Amino acid sequence: MSTPDESEERARNRQIAQNEQRRKAVTAIRVSGWAIFITFVIAAIVAGIVWAWTHR
């Protein structure tokens, strides 16, 4: 049977793992946001170049 110290250690480890999962999820969302922003900027530049090319 596990001692109180072992069960506290397991509970602490579980909490650490949950915190790590949350941190990874937040990081993934942040990276996705930047990827969408960069894609939008590149698309706007390309659209501007195409517009300028067709209206010269």
Protein backbone atom coordinates (compact mmCIF):
# COMPACT_ATOMS: atom_id res chain seq x y z
CA MET A 1 0.00 0.00 0.00
CA SER A 2 1.20 3.52 -0.65
CA THR A 3 2.24 5.79 2.15
CA PRO A 4 0.80 9.31 2.51
CA ASP A 5 4.02 10.73 1.07
CA GLU A 6 3.68 8.58 -2.05
CA SER A 7 0.06 9.57 -2.60
CA GLU A 8 0.95 13.24 -2.15
CA GLU A 9 3.79 12.80 -4.62
CA ARG A 10 1.43 11.18 -7.15
CA ALA A 11 -1.13 13.96 -6.71
CA ARG A 12 1.62 16.54 -7.20
CA ASN A 13 2.87 14.76 -10.32
CA ARG A 14 -0.69 14.62 -11.69
CA GLN A 15 -1.08 18.36 -11.13
CA ILE A 16 2.25 19.06 -12.82
CA ALA A 17 1.20 16.97 -15.82
CA GLN A 18 -2.12 18.83 -16.08
CA ASN A 19 -0.33 22.18 -15.92
CA GLU A 20 2.07 21.06 -18.63
CA GLN A 21 -0.84 20.03 -20.88
CA ARG A 22 -2.49 23.43 -20.43
CA ARG A 23 0.77 25.21 -21.19
CA LYS A 24 1.26 23.20 -24.38
CA ALA A 25 -2.32 23.93 -25.50
CA VAL A 26 -1.87 27.67 -24.94
CA THR A 27 1.42 27.61 -26.83
CA ALA A 28 -0.19 25.74 -29.74
CA ILE A 29 -2.99 28.31 -29.93
CA ARG A 30 -0.48 31.16 -29.83
CA VAL A 31 1.59 29.59 -32.63
CA SER A 32 -1.57 29.01 -34.69
CA GLY A 33 -2.53 32.65 -34.25
CA TRP A 34 0.84 33.80 -35.53
CA ALA A 35 0.66 31.38 -38.48
CA ILE A 36 -2.76 32.76 -39.47
CA PHE A 37 -1.50 36.34 -39.16
CA ILE A 38 1.61 35.68 -41.27
CA THR A 39 -0.49 33.89 -43.90
CA PHE A 40 -2.85 36.87 -44.04
CA VAL A 41 0.05 39.31 -44.48
CA ILE A 42 1.59 37.22 -47.26
CA ALA A 43 -1.79 36.90 -49.01
CA ALA A 44 -2.27 40.68 -48.83
CA ILE A 45 1.17 41.27 -50.34
CA VAL A 46 0.50 38.79 -53.15
CA ALA A 47 -2.93 40.33 -53.81
CA GLY A 48 -1.32 43.77 -53.97
CA ILE A 49 1.31 42.58 -56.43
CA VAL A 50 -1.31 40.89 -58.62
CA TRP A 51 -3.54 43.99 -58.54
CA ALA A 52 -0.61 46.25 -59.44
CA TRP A 53 0.46 43.92 -62.25
CA THR A 54 -3.03 43.81 -63.79
CA HIS A 55 -3.58 47.60 -63.54
CA ARG A 56 -0.37 48.91 -65.05
